[in-house]
Amino acid sequence: MDVALPDMEHSSFSLSSSGGTVFLVNNHTELTDNTITSSMIVDRLSYGTGQYLFPENTPALAPNSSQTLERRALETSTSETMANGEYITNGNGYDIDNNLNDFVVHNQPNPRGVISAVPSEL
C-alpha cells in the first residue's frame, strides 16, 4: 500500500498530554469565550481532562505520547480495523458530535490526507 503524503505539517506548537481542544475553523478570527459556539467553527476535537475543554458532548480519551486520535470511518470502526482491517480505506467520515464516540486511539499513528477514500457507508 502506498503511503499518502500529509496535507500539512507543523513544528511550531505542541498539544497538552493531559487534555485540550483542537478547532477546525473557516476563517482567521481569534476564538474567544464569546465566539466558541459561533458558525466559524467547522468541527472540534476535545480530548482528556481539563478546565477549559470545549467538547462535542464527551471528550475523547487522551492518547499517550506514542499514540494518536483518529476519526472513525464508521460507527463500528475500531483502532484495529482502521489501522489494518476492513476499514483501512474507508476514510474518516463518522461524526455524531460526540468526541468520545467519533474517535479511536491508535497505537501506530497512520495519518490520512485529502486523498483518503470516502466512507462506503454513512
PDB file of N, CA and C in Angstrom:
ATOM      1  N   MET A   1       0.852  -1.179   0.000  1.00  0.00           N
ATOM      2  CA  MET A   1       0.000   0.000   0.000  1.00  0.00           C
ATOM      3  C   MET A   1       0.895   1.239   0.000  1.00  0.00           C
ATOM      4  N   ASP A   2       0.570   2.205  -0.847  1.00  0.00           N
ATOM      5  CA  ASP A   2       1.297   3.470  -0.893  1.00  0.00           C
ATOM      6  C   ASP A   2       0.931   4.326   0.309  1.00  0.00           C
ATOM      7  N   VAL A   3       1.880   5.069   0.793  1.00  0.00           N
ATOM      8  CA  VAL A   3       1.645   5.972   1.912  1.00  0.00           C
ATOM      9  C   VAL A   3       1.409   7.371   1.355  1.00  0.00           C
ATOM     10  N   ALA A   4       0.317   7.993   1.763  1.00  0.00           N
ATOM     11  CA  ALA A   4      -0.004   9.345   1.307  1.00  0.00           C
ATOM     12  C   ALA A   4       0.837  10.363   2.057  1.00  0.00           C
ATOM     13  N   LEU A   5       1.256  11.383   1.351  1.00  0.00           N
ATOM     14  CA  LEU A   5       1.964  12.476   1.988  1.00  0.00           C
ATOM     15  C   LEU A   5       0.984  13.317   2.792  1.00  0.00           C
ATOM     16  N   PRO A   6       1.412  13.898   3.910  1.00  0.00           N
ATOM     17  CA  PRO A   6       0.500  14.732   4.697  1.00  0.00           C
ATOM     18  C   PRO A   6       0.099  15.984   3.940  1.00  0.00           C
ATOM     19  N   ASP A   7      -1.106  16.491   4.233  1.00  0.00           N
ATOM     20  CA  ASP A   7      -1.581  17.731   3.638  1.00  0.00           C
ATOM     21  C   ASP A   7      -0.855  18.922   4.254  1.00  0.00           C
ATOM     22  N   MET A   8      -0.437  18.772   5.500  1.00  0.00           N
ATOM     23  CA  MET A   8       0.164  19.877   6.225  1.00  0.00           C
ATOM     24  C   MET A   8       0.966  19.307   7.386  1.00  0.00           C
ATOM     25  N   GLU A   9       2.065  19.928   7.712  1.00  0.00           N
ATOM     26  CA  GLU A   9       2.859  19.558   8.879  1.00  0.00           C
ATOM     27  C   GLU A   9       3.073  20.789   9.735  1.00  0.00           C
ATOM     28  N   HIS A  10       3.364  20.577  11.003  1.00  0.00           N
ATOM     29  CA  HIS A  10       3.643  21.712  11.879  1.00  0.00           C
ATOM     30  C   HIS A  10       4.818  21.376  12.778  1.00  0.00           C
ATOM     31  N   SER A  11       5.471  22.396  13.258  1.00  0.00           N
ATOM     32  CA  SER A  11       6.520  22.219  14.257  1.00  0.00           C
ATOM     33  C   SER A  11       6.546  23.408  15.202  1.00  0.00           C
ATOM     34  N   SER A  12       5.518  24.243  15.134  1.00  0.00           N
ATOM     35  CA  SER A  12       5.526  25.476  15.908  1.00  0.00           C
ATOM     36  C   SER A  12       4.736  25.399  17.209  1.00  0.00           C
ATOM     37  N   PHE A  13       4.082  24.262  17.469  1.00  0.00           N
ATOM     38  CA  PHE A  13       3.346  24.139  18.720  1.00  0.00           C
ATOM     39  C   PHE A  13       3.232  22.665  19.086  1.00  0.00           C
ATOM     40  N   SER A  14       2.843  22.420  20.328  1.00  0.00           N
ATOM     41  CA  SER A  14       2.581  21.050  20.768  1.00  0.00           C
ATOM     42  C   SER A  14       1.289  21.058  21.575  1.00  0.00           C
ATOM     43  N   LEU A  15       0.669  19.904  21.660  1.00  0.00           N
ATOM     44  CA  LEU A  15      -0.588  19.770  22.388  1.00  0.00           C
ATOM     45  C   LEU A  15      -0.331  19.237  23.786  1.00  0.00           C
ATOM     46  N   SER A  16      -1.182  19.590  24.712  1.00  0.00           N
ATOM     47  CA  SER A  16      -1.072  19.109  26.081  1.00  0.00           C
ATOM     48  C   SER A  16      -1.288  17.601  26.127  1.00  0.00           C
ATOM     49  N   SER A  17      -0.535  16.911  26.965  1.00  0.00           N
ATOM     50  CA  SER A  17      -0.712  15.470  27.092  1.00  0.00           C
ATOM     51  C   SER A  17      -1.907  15.107  27.968  1.00  0.00           C
ATOM     52  N   SER A  18      -2.375  16.032  28.798  1.00  0.00           N
ATOM     53  CA  SER A  18      -3.490  15.719  29.693  1.00  0.00           C
ATOM     54  C   SER A  18      -4.851  16.012  29.081  1.00  0.00           C
ATOM     55  N   GLY A  19      -4.926  16.983  28.182  1.00  0.00           N
ATOM     56  CA  GLY A  19      -6.196  17.304  27.550  1.00  0.00           C
ATOM     57  C   GLY A  19      -6.151  18.624  26.830  1.00  0.00           C
ATOM     58  N   GLY A  20      -7.068  18.806  25.897  1.00  0.00           N
ATOM     59  CA  GLY A  20      -7.129  20.041  25.134  1.00  0.00           C
ATOM     60  C   GLY A  20      -8.236  19.987  24.103  1.00  0.00           C
ATOM     61  N   THR A  21      -8.377  21.067  23.363  1.00  0.00           N
ATOM     62  CA  THR A  21      -9.364  21.146  22.291  1.00  0.00           C
ATOM     63  C   THR A  21      -8.682  21.677  21.043  1.00  0.00           C
ATOM     64  N   VAL A  22      -8.938  21.026  19.916  1.00  0.00           N
ATOM     65  CA  VAL A  22      -8.446  21.465  18.621  1.00  0.00           C
ATOM     66  C   VAL A  22      -9.664  21.881  17.804  1.00  0.00           C
ATOM     67  N   PHE A  23      -9.630  23.094  17.264  1.00  0.00           N
ATOM     68  CA  PHE A  23     -10.738  23.619  16.475  1.00  0.00           C
ATOM     69  C   PHE A  23     -10.382  23.631  14.996  1.00  0.00           C
ATOM     70  N   LEU A  24     -11.317  23.250  14.158  1.00  0.00           N
ATOM     71  CA  LEU A  24     -11.213  23.433  12.716  1.00  0.00           C
ATOM     72  C   LEU A  24     -12.138  24.594  12.396  1.00  0.00           C
ATOM     73  N   VAL A  25     -11.569  25.693  11.902  1.00  0.00           N
ATOM     74  CA  VAL A  25     -12.352  26.909  11.678  1.00  0.00           C
ATOM     75  C   VAL A  25     -12.337  27.287  10.197  1.00  0.00           C
ATOM     76  N   ASN A  26     -13.270  28.148   9.809  1.00  0.00           N
ATOM     77  CA  ASN A  26     -13.369  28.544   8.402  1.00  0.00           C
ATOM     78  C   ASN A  26     -12.872  29.959   8.138  1.00  0.00           C
ATOM     79  N   ASN A  27     -12.209  30.594   9.125  1.00  0.00           N
ATOM     80  CA  ASN A  27     -11.602  31.905   8.915  1.00  0.00           C
ATOM     81  C   ASN A  27     -10.495  32.115   9.937  1.00  0.00           C
ATOM     82  N   HIS A  28      -9.912  33.273   9.981  1.00  0.00           N
ATOM     83  CA  HIS A  28      -8.776  33.544  10.853  1.00  0.00           C
ATOM     84  C   HIS A  28      -9.149  34.400  12.061  1.00  0.00           C
ATOM     85  N   THR A  29     -10.420  34.470  12.396  1.00  0.00           N
ATOM     86  CA  THR A  29     -10.853  35.245  13.551  1.00  0.00           C
ATOM     87  C   THR A  29     -10.438  34.527  14.833  1.00  0.00           C
ATOM     88  N   GLU A  30      -9.879  35.278  15.766  1.00  0.00           N
ATOM     89  CA  GLU A  30      -9.454  34.691  17.033  1.00  0.00           C
ATOM     90  C   GLU A  30     -10.658  34.153  17.800  1.00  0.00           C
ATOM     91  N   LEU A  31     -10.529  32.940  18.310  1.00  0.00           N
ATOM     92  CA  LEU A  31     -11.601  32.359  19.129  1.00  0.00           C
ATOM     93  C   LEU A  31     -11.498  32.889  20.553  1.00  0.00           C
ATOM     94  N   THR A  32     -12.628  33.294  21.095  1.00  0.00           N
ATOM     95  CA  THR A  32     -12.715  33.755  22.478  1.00  0.00           C
ATOM     96  C   THR A  32     -13.912  33.075  23.115  1.00  0.00           C
ATOM     97  N   ASP A  33     -14.122  33.307  24.403  1.00  0.00           N
ATOM     98  CA  ASP A  33     -15.296  32.740  25.068  1.00  0.00           C
ATOM     99  C   ASP A  33     -16.593  33.157  24.379  1.00  0.00           C
ATOM    100  N   ASN A  34     -16.600  34.321  23.737  1.00  0.00           N
ATOM    101  CA  ASN A  34     -17.809  34.811  23.070  1.00  0.00           C
ATOM    102  C   ASN A  34     -18.030  34.198  21.686  1.00  0.00           C
ATOM    103  N   THR A  35     -16.986  33.635  21.069  1.00  0.00           N
ATOM    104  CA  THR A  35     -17.132  33.089  19.716  1.00  0.00           C
ATOM    105  C   THR A  35     -17.021  31.570  19.665  1.00  0.00           C
ATOM    106  N   ILE A  36     -16.816  30.928  20.790  1.00  0.00           N
ATOM    107  CA  ILE A  36     -16.563  29.486  20.821  1.00  0.00           C
ATOM    108  C   ILE A  36     -17.691  28.686  20.173  1.00  0.00           C
ATOM    109  N   THR A  37     -18.924  29.149  20.185  1.00  0.00           N
ATOM    110  CA  THR A  37     -20.033  28.407  19.589  1.00  0.00           C
ATOM    111  C   THR A  37     -20.514  29.032  18.283  1.00  0.00           C
ATOM    112  N   SER A  38     -19.729  29.917  17.720  1.00  0.00           N
ATOM    113  CA  SER A  38     -20.168  30.624  16.520  1.00  0.00           C
ATOM    114  C   SER A  38     -20.101  29.732  15.284  1.00  0.00           C
ATOM    115  N   SER A  39     -20.637  30.223  14.199  1.00  0.00           N
ATOM    116  CA  SER A  39     -20.666  29.468  12.948  1.00  0.00           C
ATOM    117  C   SER A  39     -19.294  29.348  12.301  1.00  0.00           C
ATOM    118  N   MET A  40     -18.283  30.040  12.809  1.00  0.00           N
ATOM    119  CA  MET A  40     -16.938  29.924  12.222  1.00  0.00           C
ATOM    120  C   MET A  40     -16.286  28.587  12.559  1.00  0.00           C
ATOM    121  N   ILE A  41     -16.798  27.848  13.525  1.00  0.00           N
ATOM    122  CA  ILE A  41     -16.221  26.562  13.904  1.00  0.00           C
ATOM    123  C   ILE A  41     -16.846  25.468  13.047  1.00  0.00           C
ATOM    124  N   VAL A  42     -16.011  24.820  12.244  1.00  0.00           N
ATOM    125  CA  VAL A  42     -16.470  23.741  11.369  1.00  0.00           C
ATOM    126  C   VAL A  42     -16.574  22.439  12.150  1.00  0.00           C
ATOM    127  N   ASP A  43     -15.586  22.173  12.985  1.00  0.00           N
ATOM    128  CA  ASP A  43     -15.567  20.959  13.797  1.00  0.00           C
ATOM    129  C   ASP A  43     -14.584  21.155  14.930  1.00  0.00           C
ATOM    130  N   ARG A  44     -14.622  20.264  15.915  1.00  0.00           N
ATOM    131  CA  ARG A  44     -13.678  20.351  17.023  1.00  0.00           C
ATOM    132  C   ARG A  44     -13.473  18.986  17.647  1.00  0.00           C
ATOM    133  N   LEU A  45     -12.325  18.840  18.268  1.00  0.00           N
ATOM    134  CA  LEU A  45     -11.975  17.625  18.990  1.00  0.00           C
ATOM    135  C   LEU A  45     -11.447  18.028  20.351  1.00  0.00           C
ATOM    136  N   SER A  46     -12.114  17.579  21.395  1.00  0.00           N
ATOM    137  CA  SER A  46     -11.602  17.721  22.754  1.00  0.00           C
ATOM    138  C   SER A  46     -11.202  16.342  23.236  1.00  0.00           C
ATOM    139  N   TYR A  47     -10.088  16.292  23.966  1.00  0.00           N
ATOM    140  CA  TYR A  47      -9.590  15.016  24.464  1.00  0.00           C
ATOM    141  C   TYR A  47      -9.101  15.196  25.895  1.00  0.00           C
ATOM    142  N   GLY A  48      -9.131  14.111  26.653  1.00  0.00           N
ATOM    143  CA  GLY A  48      -8.585  14.121  28.000  1.00  0.00           C
ATOM    144  C   GLY A  48      -9.418  14.902  28.992  1.00  0.00           C
ATOM    145  N   THR A  49      -8.718  15.518  29.941  1.00  0.00           N
ATOM    146  CA  THR A  49      -9.380  16.258  31.011  1.00  0.00           C
ATOM    147  C   THR A  49      -8.776  17.655  31.117  1.00  0.00           C
ATOM    148  N   GLY A  50      -9.520  18.551  31.717  1.00  0.00           N
ATOM    149  CA  GLY A  50      -9.037  19.909  31.923  1.00  0.00           C
ATOM    150  C   GLY A  50     -10.195  20.861  32.124  1.00  0.00           C
ATOM    151  N   GLN A  51      -9.893  22.032  32.637  1.00  0.00           N
ATOM    152  CA  GLN A  51     -10.909  23.027  32.950  1.00  0.00           C
ATOM    153  C   GLN A  51     -11.458  23.709  31.702  1.00  0.00           C
ATOM    154  N   TYR A  52     -10.645  23.893  30.684  1.00  0.00           N
ATOM    155  CA  TYR A  52     -11.061  24.675  29.519  1.00  0.00           C
ATOM    156  C   TYR A  52     -11.235  23.826  28.267  1.00  0.00           C
ATOM    157  N   LEU A  53     -11.929  22.705  28.377  1.00  0.00           N
ATOM    158  CA  LEU A  53     -12.244  21.875  27.224  1.00  0.00           C
ATOM    159  C   LEU A  53     -13.574  22.319  26.632  1.00  0.00           C
ATOM    160  N   PHE A  54     -13.703  22.209  25.336  1.00  0.00           N
ATOM    161  CA  PHE A  54     -14.947  22.553  24.649  1.00  0.00           C
ATOM    162  C   PHE A  54     -15.357  21.372  23.771  1.00  0.00           C
ATOM    163  N   PRO A  55     -15.743  20.247  24.411  1.00  0.00           N
ATOM    164  CA  PRO A  55     -16.021  19.032  23.637  1.00  0.00           C
ATOM    165  C   PRO A  55     -17.374  19.065  22.947  1.00  0.00           C
ATOM    166  N   GLU A  56     -17.483  18.213  21.951  1.00  0.00           N
ATOM    167  CA  GLU A  56     -18.793  17.865  21.412  1.00  0.00           C
ATOM    168  C   GLU A  56     -19.261  16.725  22.309  1.00  0.00           C
ATOM    169  N   ASN A  57     -20.112  17.041  23.249  1.00  0.00           N
ATOM    170  CA  ASN A  57     -20.576  16.117  24.287  1.00  0.00           C
ATOM    171  C   ASN A  57     -19.438  15.668  25.181  1.00  0.00           C
ATOM    172  N   THR A  58     -18.909  14.442  25.030  1.00  0.00           N
ATOM    173  CA  THR A  58     -17.884  13.902  25.919  1.00  0.00           C
ATOM    174  C   THR A  58     -16.518  13.931  25.241  1.00  0.00           C
ATOM    175  N   PRO A  59     -15.458  14.393  25.940  1.00  0.00           N
ATOM    176  CA  PRO A  59     -14.136  14.399  25.321  1.00  0.00           C
ATOM    177  C   PRO A  59     -13.661  12.987  24.964  1.00  0.00           C
ATOM    178  N   ALA A  60     -12.831  12.900  23.931  1.00  0.00           N
ATOM    179  CA  ALA A  60     -12.191  11.630  23.578  1.00  0.00           C
ATOM    180  C   ALA A  60     -11.156  11.294  24.646  1.00  0.00           C
ATOM    181  N   LEU A  61     -10.742  10.041  24.673  1.00  0.00           N
ATOM    182  CA  LEU A  61      -9.679   9.642  25.585  1.00  0.00           C
ATOM    183  C   LEU A  61      -8.387  10.329  25.177  1.00  0.00           C
ATOM    184  N   ALA A  62      -7.552  10.665  26.143  1.00  0.00           N
ATOM    185  CA  ALA A  62      -6.262  11.299  25.840  1.00  0.00           C
ATOM    186  C   ALA A  62      -5.262  10.218  25.446  1.00  0.00           C
ATOM    187  N   PRO A  63      -4.666  10.335  24.268  1.00  0.00           N
ATOM    188  CA  PRO A  63      -3.644   9.363  23.877  1.00  0.00           C
ATOM    189  C   PRO A  63      -2.351   9.619  24.646  1.00  0.00           C
ATOM    190  N   ASN A  64      -1.508   8.578  24.784  1.00  0.00           N
ATOM    191  CA  ASN A  64      -0.198   8.817  25.389  1.00  0.00           C
ATOM    192  C   ASN A  64       0.751   9.355  24.320  1.00  0.00           C
ATOM    193  N   SER A  65       1.989   9.585  24.670  1.00  0.00           N
ATOM    194  CA  SER A  65       2.913  10.276  23.759  1.00  0.00           C
ATOM    195  C   SER A  65       3.235   9.491  22.487  1.00  0.00           C
ATOM    196  N   SER A  66       2.971   8.196  22.451  1.00  0.00           N
ATOM    197  CA  SER A  66       3.251   7.415  21.243  1.00  0.00           C
ATOM    198  C   SER A  66       1.975   7.070  20.472  1.00  0.00           C
ATOM    199  N   GLN A  67       0.838   7.607  20.883  1.00  0.00           N
ATOM    200  CA  GLN A  67      -0.441   7.307  20.243  1.00  0.00           C
ATOM    201  C   GLN A  67      -1.021   8.548  19.563  1.00  0.00           C
ATOM    202  N   THR A  68      -2.057   8.328  18.749  1.00  0.00           N
ATOM    203  CA  THR A  68      -2.787   9.424  18.114  1.00  0.00           C
ATOM    204  C   THR A  68      -4.279   9.155  18.201  1.00  0.00           C
ATOM    205  N   LEU A  69      -5.055  10.184  17.926  1.00  0.00           N
ATOM    206  CA  LEU A  69      -6.501  10.050  17.802  1.00  0.00           C
ATOM    207  C   LEU A  69      -6.857  10.125  16.330  1.00  0.00           C
ATOM    208  N   GLU A  70      -7.796   9.283  15.894  1.00  0.00           N
ATOM    209  CA  GLU A  70      -8.245   9.300  14.510  1.00  0.00           C
ATOM    210  C   GLU A  70      -9.761   9.186  14.477  1.00  0.00           C
ATOM    211  N   ARG A  71     -10.377  10.018  13.642  1.00  0.00           N
ATOM    212  CA  ARG A  71     -11.832   9.945  13.479  1.00  0.00           C
ATOM    213  C   ARG A  71     -12.182   8.600  12.853  1.00  0.00           C
ATOM    214  N   ARG A  72     -13.237   7.991  13.356  1.00  0.00           N
ATOM    215  CA  ARG A  72     -13.690   6.696  12.830  1.00  0.00           C
ATOM    216  C   ARG A  72     -14.179   6.827  11.391  1.00  0.00           C
ATOM    217  N   ALA A  73     -14.114   5.745  10.654  1.00  0.00           N
ATOM    218  CA  ALA A  73     -14.712   5.675   9.321  1.00  0.00           C
ATOM    219  C   ALA A  73     -16.214   5.437   9.451  1.00  0.00           C
ATOM    220  N   LEU A  74     -16.577   4.520  10.300  1.00  0.00           N
ATOM    221  CA  LEU A  74     -17.973   4.140  10.530  1.00  0.00           C
ATOM    222  C   LEU A  74     -18.191   3.922  12.021  1.00  0.00           C
ATOM    223  N   GLU A  75     -19.413   3.809  12.449  1.00  0.00           N
ATOM    224  CA  GLU A  75     -19.721   3.605  13.862  1.00  0.00           C
ATOM    225  C   GLU A  75     -19.007   2.381  14.423  1.00  0.00           C
ATOM    226  N   THR A  76     -18.882   1.329  13.639  1.00  0.00           N
ATOM    227  CA  THR A  76     -18.287   0.079  14.108  1.00  0.00           C
ATOM    228  C   THR A  76     -16.772   0.027  13.991  1.00  0.00           C
ATOM    229  N   SER A  77     -16.133   1.099  13.533  1.00  0.00           N
ATOM    230  CA  SER A  77     -14.673   1.118  13.387  1.00  0.00           C
ATOM    231  C   SER A  77     -13.988   1.001  14.742  1.00  0.00           C
ATOM    232  N   THR A  78     -12.883   0.284  14.766  1.00  0.00           N
ATOM    233  CA  THR A  78     -12.012   0.197  15.945  1.00  0.00           C
ATOM    234  C   THR A  78     -10.610   0.615  15.514  1.00  0.00           C
ATOM    235  N   SER A  79      -9.703   0.774  16.460  1.00  0.00           N
ATOM    236  CA  SER A  79      -8.337   1.130  16.078  1.00  0.00           C
ATOM    237  C   SER A  79      -7.726   0.039  15.208  1.00  0.00           C
ATOM    238  N   GLU A  80      -8.084  -1.216  15.458  1.00  0.00           N
ATOM    239  CA  GLU A  80      -7.549  -2.319  14.666  1.00  0.00           C
ATOM    240  C   GLU A  80      -8.096  -2.302  13.238  1.00  0.00           C
ATOM    241  N   THR A  81      -9.402  -2.116  13.073  1.00  0.00           N
ATOM    242  CA  THR A  81      -9.968  -2.122  11.716  1.00  0.00           C
ATOM    243  C   THR A  81      -9.584  -0.870  10.936  1.00  0.00           C
ATOM    244  N   MET A  82      -9.292   0.229  11.639  1.00  0.00           N
ATOM    245  CA  MET A  82      -8.850   1.448  10.964  1.00  0.00           C
ATOM    246  C   MET A  82      -7.381   1.335  10.542  1.00  0.00           C
ATOM    247  N   ALA A  83      -6.574   0.603  11.290  1.00  0.00           N
ATOM    248  CA  ALA A  83      -5.135   0.512  11.009  1.00  0.00           C
ATOM    249  C   ALA A  83      -4.801  -0.515   9.937  1.00  0.00           C
ATOM    250  N   ASN A  84      -5.416  -1.679  10.006  1.00  0.00           N
ATOM    251  CA  ASN A  84      -5.051  -2.718   9.046  1.00  0.00           C
ATOM    252  C   ASN A  84      -6.171  -3.724   8.831  1.00  0.00           C
ATOM    253  N   GLY A  85      -7.381  -3.275   8.985  1.00  0.00           N
ATOM    254  CA  GLY A  85      -8.509  -4.179   8.799  1.00  0.00           C
ATOM    255  C   GLY A  85      -9.432  -3.709   7.705  1.00  0.00           C
ATOM    256  N   GLU A  86     -10.683  -4.056   7.850  1.00  0.00           N
ATOM    257  CA  GLU A  86     -11.652  -3.801   6.791  1.00  0.00           C
ATOM    258  C   GLU A  86     -11.936  -2.324   6.540  1.00  0.00           C
ATOM    259  N   TYR A  87     -11.619  -1.430   7.473  1.00  0.00           N
ATOM    260  CA  TYR A  87     -11.929  -0.014   7.297  1.00  0.00           C
ATOM    261  C   TYR A  87     -10.713   0.840   6.938  1.00  0.00           C
ATOM    262  N   ILE A  88      -9.596   0.229   6.599  1.00  0.00           N
ATOM    263  CA  ILE A  88      -8.359   0.977   6.356  1.00  0.00           C
ATOM    264  C   ILE A  88      -8.499   1.975   5.206  1.00  0.00           C
ATOM    265  N   THR A  89      -9.374   1.702   4.241  1.00  0.00           N
ATOM    266  CA  THR A  89      -9.549   2.618   3.107  1.00  0.00           C
ATOM    267  C   THR A  89     -10.906   3.310   3.114  1.00  0.00           C
ATOM    268  N   ASN A  90     -11.586   3.333   4.249  1.00  0.00           N
ATOM    269  CA  ASN A  90     -12.927   3.915   4.317  1.00  0.00           C
ATOM    270  C   ASN A  90     -12.955   5.371   4.760  1.00  0.00           C
ATOM    271  N   GLY A  91     -11.819   6.041   4.827  1.00  0.00           N
ATOM    272  CA  GLY A  91     -11.819   7.455   5.192  1.00  0.00           C
ATOM    273  C   GLY A  91     -12.049   7.681   6.671  1.00  0.00           C
ATOM    274  N   ASN A  92     -12.486   8.874   7.001  1.00  0.00           N
ATOM    275  CA  ASN A  92     -12.686   9.282   8.394  1.00  0.00           C
ATOM    276  C   ASN A  92     -13.926  10.150   8.509  1.00  0.00           C
ATOM    277  N   GLY A  93     -15.064   9.661   8.065  1.00  0.00           N
ATOM    278  CA  GLY A  93     -16.252  10.491   7.987  1.00  0.00           C
ATOM    279  C   GLY A  93     -17.284  10.330   9.077  1.00  0.00           C
ATOM    280  N   TYR A  94     -17.015   9.532  10.105  1.00  0.00           N
ATOM    281  CA  TYR A  94     -18.030   9.302  11.135  1.00  0.00           C
ATOM    282  C   TYR A  94     -18.050  10.476  12.113  1.00  0.00           C
ATOM    283  N   ASP A  95     -19.187  11.135  12.248  1.00  0.00           N
ATOM    284  CA  ASP A  95     -19.279  12.312  13.115  1.00  0.00           C
ATOM    285  C   ASP A  95     -20.693  12.437  13.662  1.00  0.00           C
ATOM    286  N   ILE A  96     -20.870  12.039  14.927  1.00  0.00           N
ATOM    287  CA  ILE A  96     -22.175  12.196  15.581  1.00  0.00           C
ATOM    288  C   ILE A  96     -22.109  13.281  16.655  1.00  0.00           C
ATOM    289  N   ASP A  97     -21.092  14.143  16.560  1.00  0.00           N
ATOM    290  CA  ASP A  97     -20.891  15.245  17.507  1.00  0.00           C
ATOM    291  C   ASP A  97     -20.737  14.767  18.946  1.00  0.00           C
ATOM    292  N   ASN A  98     -19.987  13.667  19.102  1.00  0.00           N
ATOM    293  CA  ASN A  98     -19.605  13.179  20.421  1.00  0.00           C
ATOM    294  C   ASN A  98     -18.158  12.700  20.306  1.00  0.00           C
ATOM    295  N   ASN A  99     -17.213  13.511  20.793  1.00  0.00           N
ATOM    296  CA  ASN A  99     -15.791  13.215  20.610  1.00  0.00           C
ATOM    297  C   ASN A  99     -15.399  11.827  21.114  1.00  0.00           C
ATOM    298  N   LEU A 100     -15.984  11.354  22.204  1.00  0.00           N
ATOM    299  CA  LEU A 100     -15.647  10.035  22.728  1.00  0.00           C
ATOM    300  C   LEU A 100     -16.001   8.930  21.737  1.00  0.00           C
ATOM    301  N   ASN A 101     -17.124   9.071  21.049  1.00  0.00           N
ATOM    302  CA  ASN A 101     -17.580   8.046  20.109  1.00  0.00           C
ATOM    303  C   ASN A 101     -17.078   8.262  18.684  1.00  0.00           C
ATOM    304  N   ASP A 102     -16.660   9.475  18.340  1.00  0.00           N
ATOM    305  CA  ASP A 102     -16.222   9.783  16.976  1.00  0.00           C
ATOM    306  C   ASP A 102     -14.770   9.393  16.704  1.00  0.00           C
ATOM    307  N   PHE A 103     -13.959   9.209  17.748  1.00  0.00           N
ATOM    308  CA  PHE A 103     -12.527   8.991  17.576  1.00  0.00           C
ATOM    309  C   PHE A 103     -12.060   7.703  18.242  1.00  0.00           C
ATOM    310  N   VAL A 104     -11.005   7.103  17.679  1.00  0.00           N
ATOM    311  CA  VAL A 104     -10.347   5.944  18.280  1.00  0.00           C
ATOM    312  C   VAL A 104      -8.899   6.321  18.576  1.00  0.00           C
ATOM    313  N   VAL A 105      -8.317   5.683  19.583  1.00  0.00           N
ATOM    314  CA  VAL A 105      -6.909   5.875  19.923  1.00  0.00           C
ATOM    315  C   VAL A 105      -6.094   4.847  19.140  1.00  0.00           C
ATOM    316  N   HIS A 106      -5.069   5.326  18.432  1.00  0.00           N
ATOM    317  CA  HIS A 106      -4.190   4.452  17.647  1.00  0.00           C
ATOM    318  C   HIS A 106      -2.861   4.261  18.349  1.00  0.00           C
ATOM    319  N   ASN A 107      -2.394   3.015  18.401  1.00  0.00           N
ATOM    320  CA  ASN A 107      -1.053   2.739  18.914  1.00  0.00           C
ATOM    321  C   ASN A 107       0.004   2.985  17.851  1.00  0.00           C
ATOM    322  N   GLN A 108      -0.387   2.903  16.587  1.00  0.00           N
ATOM    323  CA  GLN A 108       0.528   3.150  15.482  1.00  0.00           C
ATOM    324  C   GLN A 108      -0.049   4.277  14.636  1.00  0.00           C
ATOM    325  N   PRO A 109       0.466   5.504  14.794  1.00  0.00           N
ATOM    326  CA  PRO A 109      -0.069   6.629  14.018  1.00  0.00           C
ATOM    327  C   PRO A 109      -0.085   6.329  12.520  1.00  0.00           C
ATOM    328  N   ASN A 110      -1.202   6.665  11.878  1.00  0.00           N
ATOM    329  CA  ASN A 110      -1.377   6.427  10.451  1.00  0.00           C
ATOM    330  C   ASN A 110      -2.111   7.625   9.848  1.00  0.00           C
ATOM    331  N   PRO A 111      -1.404   8.765   9.668  1.00  0.00           N
ATOM    332  CA  PRO A 111      -2.077   9.961   9.154  1.00  0.00           C
ATOM    333  C   PRO A 111      -2.719   9.715   7.796  1.00  0.00           C
ATOM    334  N   ARG A 112      -3.835  10.363   7.564  1.00  0.00           N
ATOM    335  CA  ARG A 112      -4.525  10.296   6.281  1.00  0.00           C
ATOM    336  C   ARG A 112      -4.695  11.710   5.775  1.00  0.00           C
ATOM    337  N   GLY A 113      -4.782  11.872   4.474  1.00  0.00           N
ATOM    338  CA  GLY A 113      -4.894  13.199   3.896  1.00  0.00           C
ATOM    339  C   GLY A 113      -6.117  13.330   3.032  1.00  0.00           C
ATOM    340  N   VAL A 114      -6.145  14.388   2.245  1.00  0.00           N
ATOM    341  CA  VAL A 114      -7.311  14.668   1.413  1.00  0.00           C
ATOM    342  C   VAL A 114      -7.536  13.613   0.353  1.00  0.00           C
ATOM    343  N   ILE A 115      -6.537  12.777   0.048  1.00  0.00           N
ATOM    344  CA  ILE A 115      -6.745  11.745  -0.953  1.00  0.00           C
ATOM    345  C   ILE A 115      -7.274  10.444  -0.347  1.00  0.00           C
ATOM    346  N   SER A 116      -7.525  10.421   0.975  1.00  0.00           N
ATOM    347  CA  SER A 116      -8.093   9.235   1.611  1.00  0.00           C
ATOM    348  C   SER A 116      -9.470   8.959   1.016  1.00  0.00           C
ATOM    349  N   ALA A 117      -9.804   7.694   1.009  1.00  0.00           N
ATOM    350  CA  ALA A 117     -11.085   7.281   0.431  1.00  0.00           C
ATOM    351  C   ALA A 117     -12.254   7.833   1.222  1.00  0.00           C
ATOM    352  N   VAL A 118     -13.375   8.009   0.547  1.00  0.00           N
ATOM    353  CA  VAL A 118     -14.607   8.425   1.182  1.00  0.00           C
ATOM    354  C   VAL A 118     -15.273   7.182   1.742  1.00  0.00           C
ATOM    355  N   PRO A 119     -15.872   7.227   2.962  1.00  0.00           N
ATOM    356  CA  PRO A 119     -16.518   6.048   3.526  1.00  0.00           C
ATOM    357  C   PRO A 119     -17.558   5.466   2.570  1.00  0.00           C
ATOM    358  N   SER A 120     -17.595   4.149   2.512  1.00  0.00           N
ATOM    359  CA  SER A 120     -18.556   3.493   1.630  1.00  0.00           C
ATOM    360  C   SER A 120     -19.942   3.441   2.240  1.00  0.00           C
ATOM    361  N   GLU A 121     -20.025   3.605   3.562  1.00  0.00           N
ATOM    362  CA  GLU A 121     -21.325   3.626   4.236  1.00  0.00           C
ATOM    363  C   GLU A 121     -21.362   4.838   5.152  1.00  0.00           C
ATOM    364  N   LEU A 122     -22.470   5.526   5.190  1.00  0.00           N
ATOM    365  CA  LEU A 122     -22.627   6.639   6.128  1.00  0.00           C
ATOM    366  C   LEU A 122     -23.934   6.504   6.849  1.00  0.00           C
TER     367      LEU A 122
END
